[in-house]
Amino acid sequence: MKIRLTILLSLLMTSVAFVSGRPEPATTTIAQAQFEMRCGWFSNPTPGNVWLYDRDGEWTIEVQGGYRVEGDWEWPNFAPGQWVKTNVHYGYGCACLRMRVDKETNRVLEIKTTRARPLSVCRQDKALKKWKGSL
């Protein structure tokens, strides 16, 4: 009887120790994602569709009738000659965006700042050449 009671108390104390222990905090969550500067091709091929293509991937900013980054943000201010028209006034340019992203879905969560760059900067970046057919 004493052995059973000792085993039962030991199991109970072990269970309490595991249950009352504090979980480790996650290293990063989507809400805690840090702002980072990403530079590449800023593409707006048609109304309501916007992406940034950088060395790491295709980042969805907005899809017509679907996902859209939350909040207000300023578009890059492209000077004449920095925007390539592919469809009336839609097209693409070279830009840097300071933004938070979800790396699992490749969605942009928030945009803090934007800055247009000369087209030559993106054209000369070897890591961006893979996107030529996507623009």
C-alpha atoms as a PDB file:
ATOM      1  CA  MET A   1       0.000   0.000   0.000  1.00  0.00           C
ATOM      2  CA  LYS A   2       2.857   2.409   0.875  1.00  0.00           C
ATOM      3  CA  ILE A   3       4.574   1.670  -2.420  1.00  0.00           C
ATOM      4  CA  ARG A   4       1.394   2.446  -4.390  1.00  0.00           C
ATOM      5  CA  LEU A   5       0.878   5.668  -2.426  1.00  0.00           C
ATOM      6  CA  THR A   6       4.519   6.691  -2.973  1.00  0.00           C
ATOM      7  CA  ILE A   7       4.263   5.990  -6.739  1.00  0.00           C
ATOM      8  CA  LEU A   8       0.943   7.844  -6.974  1.00  0.00           C
ATOM      9  CA  LEU A   9       2.337  10.902  -5.140  1.00  0.00           C
ATOM     10  CA  SER A  10       5.467  10.878  -7.303  1.00  0.00           C
ATOM     11  CA  LEU A  11       3.383  10.794 -10.492  1.00  0.00           C
ATOM     12  CA  LEU A  12       1.116  13.540  -9.158  1.00  0.00           C
ATOM     13  CA  MET A  13       4.073  15.798  -8.241  1.00  0.00           C
ATOM     14  CA  THR A  14       5.712  15.181 -11.631  1.00  0.00           C
ATOM     15  CA  SER A  15       2.466  16.056 -13.418  1.00  0.00           C
ATOM     16  CA  VAL A  16       2.092  19.261 -11.415  1.00  0.00           C
ATOM     17  CA  ALA A  17       5.677  20.242 -12.231  1.00  0.00           C
ATOM     18  CA  PHE A  18       5.083  19.852 -15.976  1.00  0.00           C
ATOM     19  CA  VAL A  19       1.700  21.562 -16.008  1.00  0.00           C
ATOM     20  CA  SER A  20       2.728  24.568 -13.928  1.00  0.00           C
ATOM     21  CA  GLY A  21       5.956  25.151 -15.859  1.00  0.00           C
ATOM     22  CA  ARG A  22       5.966  28.261 -18.036  1.00  0.00           C
ATOM     23  CA  PRO A  23       6.137  27.725 -21.778  1.00  0.00           C
ATOM     24  CA  GLU A  24       9.050  29.151 -23.695  1.00  0.00           C
ATOM     25  CA  PRO A  25       8.108  32.268 -25.662  1.00  0.00           C
ATOM     26  CA  ALA A  26       8.200  31.906 -29.455  1.00  0.00           C
ATOM     27  CA  THR A  27      11.242  33.569 -30.984  1.00  0.00           C
ATOM     28  CA  THR A  28       9.162  35.403 -33.576  1.00  0.00           C
ATOM     29  CA  THR A  29       5.522  35.501 -34.461  1.00  0.00           C
ATOM     30  CA  ILE A  30       3.840  37.249 -37.359  1.00  0.00           C
ATOM     31  CA  ALA A  31       2.781  40.091 -35.056  1.00  0.00           C
ATOM     32  CA  GLN A  32       6.357  40.511 -33.816  1.00  0.00           C
ATOM     33  CA  ALA A  33       8.009  40.383 -37.242  1.00  0.00           C
ATOM     34  CA  GLN A  34      10.537  43.169 -37.588  1.00  0.00           C
ATOM     35  CA  PHE A  35      10.517  45.841 -40.254  1.00  0.00           C
ATOM     36  CA  GLU A  36      13.138  45.194 -42.871  1.00  0.00           C
ATOM     37  CA  MET A  37      14.294  47.045 -45.964  1.00  0.00           C
ATOM     38  CA  ARG A  38      13.612  45.112 -49.156  1.00  0.00           C
ATOM     39  CA  CYS A  39      14.627  46.401 -52.575  1.00  0.00           C
ATOM     40  CA  GLY A  40      13.634  45.160 -55.997  1.00  0.00           C
ATOM     41  CA  TRP A  41      11.030  45.382 -58.719  1.00  0.00           C
ATOM     42  CA  PHE A  42       7.825  47.108 -57.623  1.00  0.00           C
ATOM     43  CA  SER A  43       5.148  45.784 -59.968  1.00  0.00           C
ATOM     44  CA  ASN A  44       1.611  47.087 -60.545  1.00  0.00           C
ATOM     45  CA  PRO A  45       0.579  45.371 -63.811  1.00  0.00           C
ATOM     46  CA  THR A  46      -3.182  45.929 -63.485  1.00  0.00           C
ATOM     47  CA  PRO A  47      -5.607  47.674 -61.101  1.00  0.00           C
ATOM     48  CA  GLY A  48      -5.506  46.272 -57.577  1.00  0.00           C
ATOM     49  CA  ASN A  49      -2.470  44.039 -58.149  1.00  0.00           C
ATOM     50  CA  VAL A  50       0.854  44.986 -56.544  1.00  0.00           C
ATOM     51  CA  TRP A  51       3.978  42.946 -55.772  1.00  0.00           C
ATOM     52  CA  LEU A  52       7.594  43.489 -54.822  1.00  0.00           C
ATOM     53  CA  TYR A  53      10.094  41.072 -56.365  1.00  0.00           C
ATOM     54  CA  ASP A  54      13.400  40.999 -54.495  1.00  0.00           C
ATOM     55  CA  ARG A  55      16.333  38.626 -54.174  1.00  0.00           C
ATOM     56  CA  ASP A  56      14.376  36.459 -51.695  1.00  0.00           C
ATOM     57  CA  GLY A  57      11.069  36.116 -53.503  1.00  0.00           C
ATOM     58  CA  GLU A  58       7.778  37.539 -54.644  1.00  0.00           C
ATOM     59  CA  TRP A  59       6.052  39.607 -51.936  1.00  0.00           C
ATOM     60  CA  THR A  60       2.312  40.108 -52.268  1.00  0.00           C
ATOM     61  CA  ILE A  61       1.142  43.610 -51.419  1.00  0.00           C
ATOM     62  CA  GLU A  62      -2.290  43.477 -53.027  1.00  0.00           C
ATOM     63  CA  VAL A  63      -4.325  41.119 -55.209  1.00  0.00           C
ATOM     64  CA  GLN A  64      -7.532  42.368 -56.788  1.00  0.00           C
ATOM     65  CA  GLY A  65     -10.474  40.842 -54.941  1.00  0.00           C
ATOM     66  CA  GLY A  66      -8.145  39.102 -52.496  1.00  0.00           C
ATOM     67  CA  TYR A  67      -5.356  39.917 -50.072  1.00  0.00           C
ATOM     68  CA  ARG A  68      -4.443  43.529 -49.379  1.00  0.00           C
ATOM     69  CA  VAL A  69      -1.829  44.882 -46.975  1.00  0.00           C
ATOM     70  CA  GLU A  70      -3.495  46.646 -44.060  1.00  0.00           C
ATOM     71  CA  GLY A  71      -3.204  50.347 -43.413  1.00  0.00           C
ATOM     72  CA  ASP A  72      -2.374  53.351 -45.508  1.00  0.00           C
ATOM     73  CA  TRP A  73       1.025  53.601 -47.137  1.00  0.00           C
ATOM     74  CA  GLU A  74       2.679  55.835 -49.683  1.00  0.00           C
ATOM     75  CA  TRP A  75       3.575  54.467 -53.099  1.00  0.00           C
ATOM     76  CA  PRO A  76       7.138  55.067 -54.234  1.00  0.00           C
ATOM     77  CA  ASN A  77       7.368  58.442 -55.945  1.00  0.00           C
ATOM     78  CA  PHE A  78       8.679  57.439 -59.356  1.00  0.00           C
ATOM     79  CA  ALA A  79      10.225  60.283 -61.354  1.00  0.00           C
ATOM     80  CA  PRO A  80       9.759  60.422 -65.135  1.00  0.00           C
ATOM     81  CA  GLY A  81      11.850  57.665 -66.645  1.00  0.00           C
ATOM     82  CA  GLN A  82      11.722  55.501 -63.469  1.00  0.00           C
ATOM     83  CA  TRP A  83       8.415  53.794 -64.357  1.00  0.00           C
ATOM     84  CA  VAL A  84       8.051  51.316 -67.216  1.00  0.00           C
ATOM     85  CA  LYS A  85       4.482  51.380 -68.584  1.00  0.00           C
ATOM     86  CA  THR A  86       3.193  47.968 -69.599  1.00  0.00           C
ATOM     87  CA  ASN A  87      -0.564  48.597 -69.586  1.00  0.00           C
ATOM     88  CA  VAL A  88      -1.789  52.212 -69.983  1.00  0.00           C
ATOM     89  CA  HIS A  89      -0.262  53.730 -66.817  1.00  0.00           C
ATOM     90  CA  TYR A  90       0.326  50.402 -65.034  1.00  0.00           C
ATOM     91  CA  GLY A  91       3.769  48.844 -65.048  1.00  0.00           C
ATOM     92  CA  TYR A  92       6.833  48.509 -62.853  1.00  0.00           C
ATOM     93  CA  GLY A  93       9.750  50.360 -61.333  1.00  0.00           C
ATOM     94  CA  CYS A  94      12.691  49.837 -59.009  1.00  0.00           C
ATOM     95  CA  ALA A  95      12.059  50.599 -55.334  1.00  0.00           C
ATOM     96  CA  CYS A  96      12.933  49.939 -51.717  1.00  0.00           C
ATOM     97  CA  LEU A  97      10.218  49.341 -49.138  1.00  0.00           C
ATOM     98  CA  ARG A  98      10.646  49.211 -45.391  1.00  0.00           C
ATOM     99  CA  MET A  99       8.095  46.579 -44.453  1.00  0.00           C
ATOM    100  CA  ARG A 100       7.063  43.672 -42.276  1.00  0.00           C
ATOM    101  CA  VAL A 101       6.463  40.385 -44.078  1.00  0.00           C
ATOM    102  CA  ASP A 102       5.118  36.923 -43.372  1.00  0.00           C
ATOM    103  CA  LYS A 103       7.874  34.686 -44.730  1.00  0.00           C
ATOM    104  CA  GLU A 104       5.616  31.615 -44.773  1.00  0.00           C
ATOM    105  CA  THR A 105       2.978  33.155 -47.063  1.00  0.00           C
ATOM    106  CA  ASN A 106       5.176  35.815 -48.740  1.00  0.00           C
ATOM    107  CA  ARG A 107       2.591  38.450 -47.877  1.00  0.00           C
ATOM    108  CA  VAL A 108       3.468  41.989 -46.887  1.00  0.00           C
ATOM    109  CA  LEU A 109       1.930  42.750 -43.490  1.00  0.00           C
ATOM    110  CA  GLU A 110       2.746  46.438 -43.180  1.00  0.00           C
ATOM    111  CA  ILE A 111       4.647  49.072 -45.143  1.00  0.00           C
ATOM    112  CA  LYS A 112       6.392  51.856 -43.268  1.00  0.00           C
ATOM    113  CA  THR A 113       8.275  53.714 -46.019  1.00  0.00           C
ATOM    114  CA  THR A 114       8.907  53.514 -49.746  1.00  0.00           C
ATOM    115  CA  ARG A 115      11.598  54.967 -51.990  1.00  0.00           C
ATOM    116  CA  ALA A 116      11.913  54.852 -55.772  1.00  0.00           C
ATOM    117  CA  ARG A 117      15.298  54.029 -57.296  1.00  0.00           C
ATOM    118  CA  PRO A 118      16.708  54.354 -60.800  1.00  0.00           C
ATOM    119  CA  LEU A 119      15.775  51.440 -63.064  1.00  0.00           C
ATOM    120  CA  SER A 120      19.473  50.827 -63.661  1.00  0.00           C
ATOM    121  CA  VAL A 121      19.943  49.742 -60.035  1.00  0.00           C
ATOM    122  CA  CYS A 122      17.516  46.833 -60.393  1.00  0.00           C
ATOM    123  CA  ARG A 123      18.641  46.032 -63.930  1.00  0.00           C
ATOM    124  CA  GLN A 124      22.241  45.644 -62.767  1.00  0.00           C
ATOM    125  CA  ASP A 125      21.367  43.527 -59.699  1.00  0.00           C
ATOM    126  CA  LYS A 126      22.139  39.917 -60.725  1.00  0.00           C
ATOM    127  CA  ALA A 127      19.794  38.551 -58.040  1.00  0.00           C
ATOM    128  CA  LEU A 128      16.832  40.325 -59.693  1.00  0.00           C
ATOM    129  CA  LYS A 129      17.438  39.029 -63.226  1.00  0.00           C
ATOM    130  CA  LYS A 130      15.318  35.948 -62.488  1.00  0.00           C
ATOM    131  CA  TRP A 131      12.203  38.181 -62.356  1.00  0.00           C
ATOM    132  CA  LYS A 132      12.571  39.638 -65.846  1.00  0.00           C
ATOM    133  CA  GLY A 133       9.795  37.436 -67.266  1.00  0.00           C
ATOM    134  CA  SER A 134       7.415  38.240 -64.378  1.00  0.00           C
ATOM    135  CA  LEU A 135       7.278  41.986 -65.018  1.00  0.00           C
END
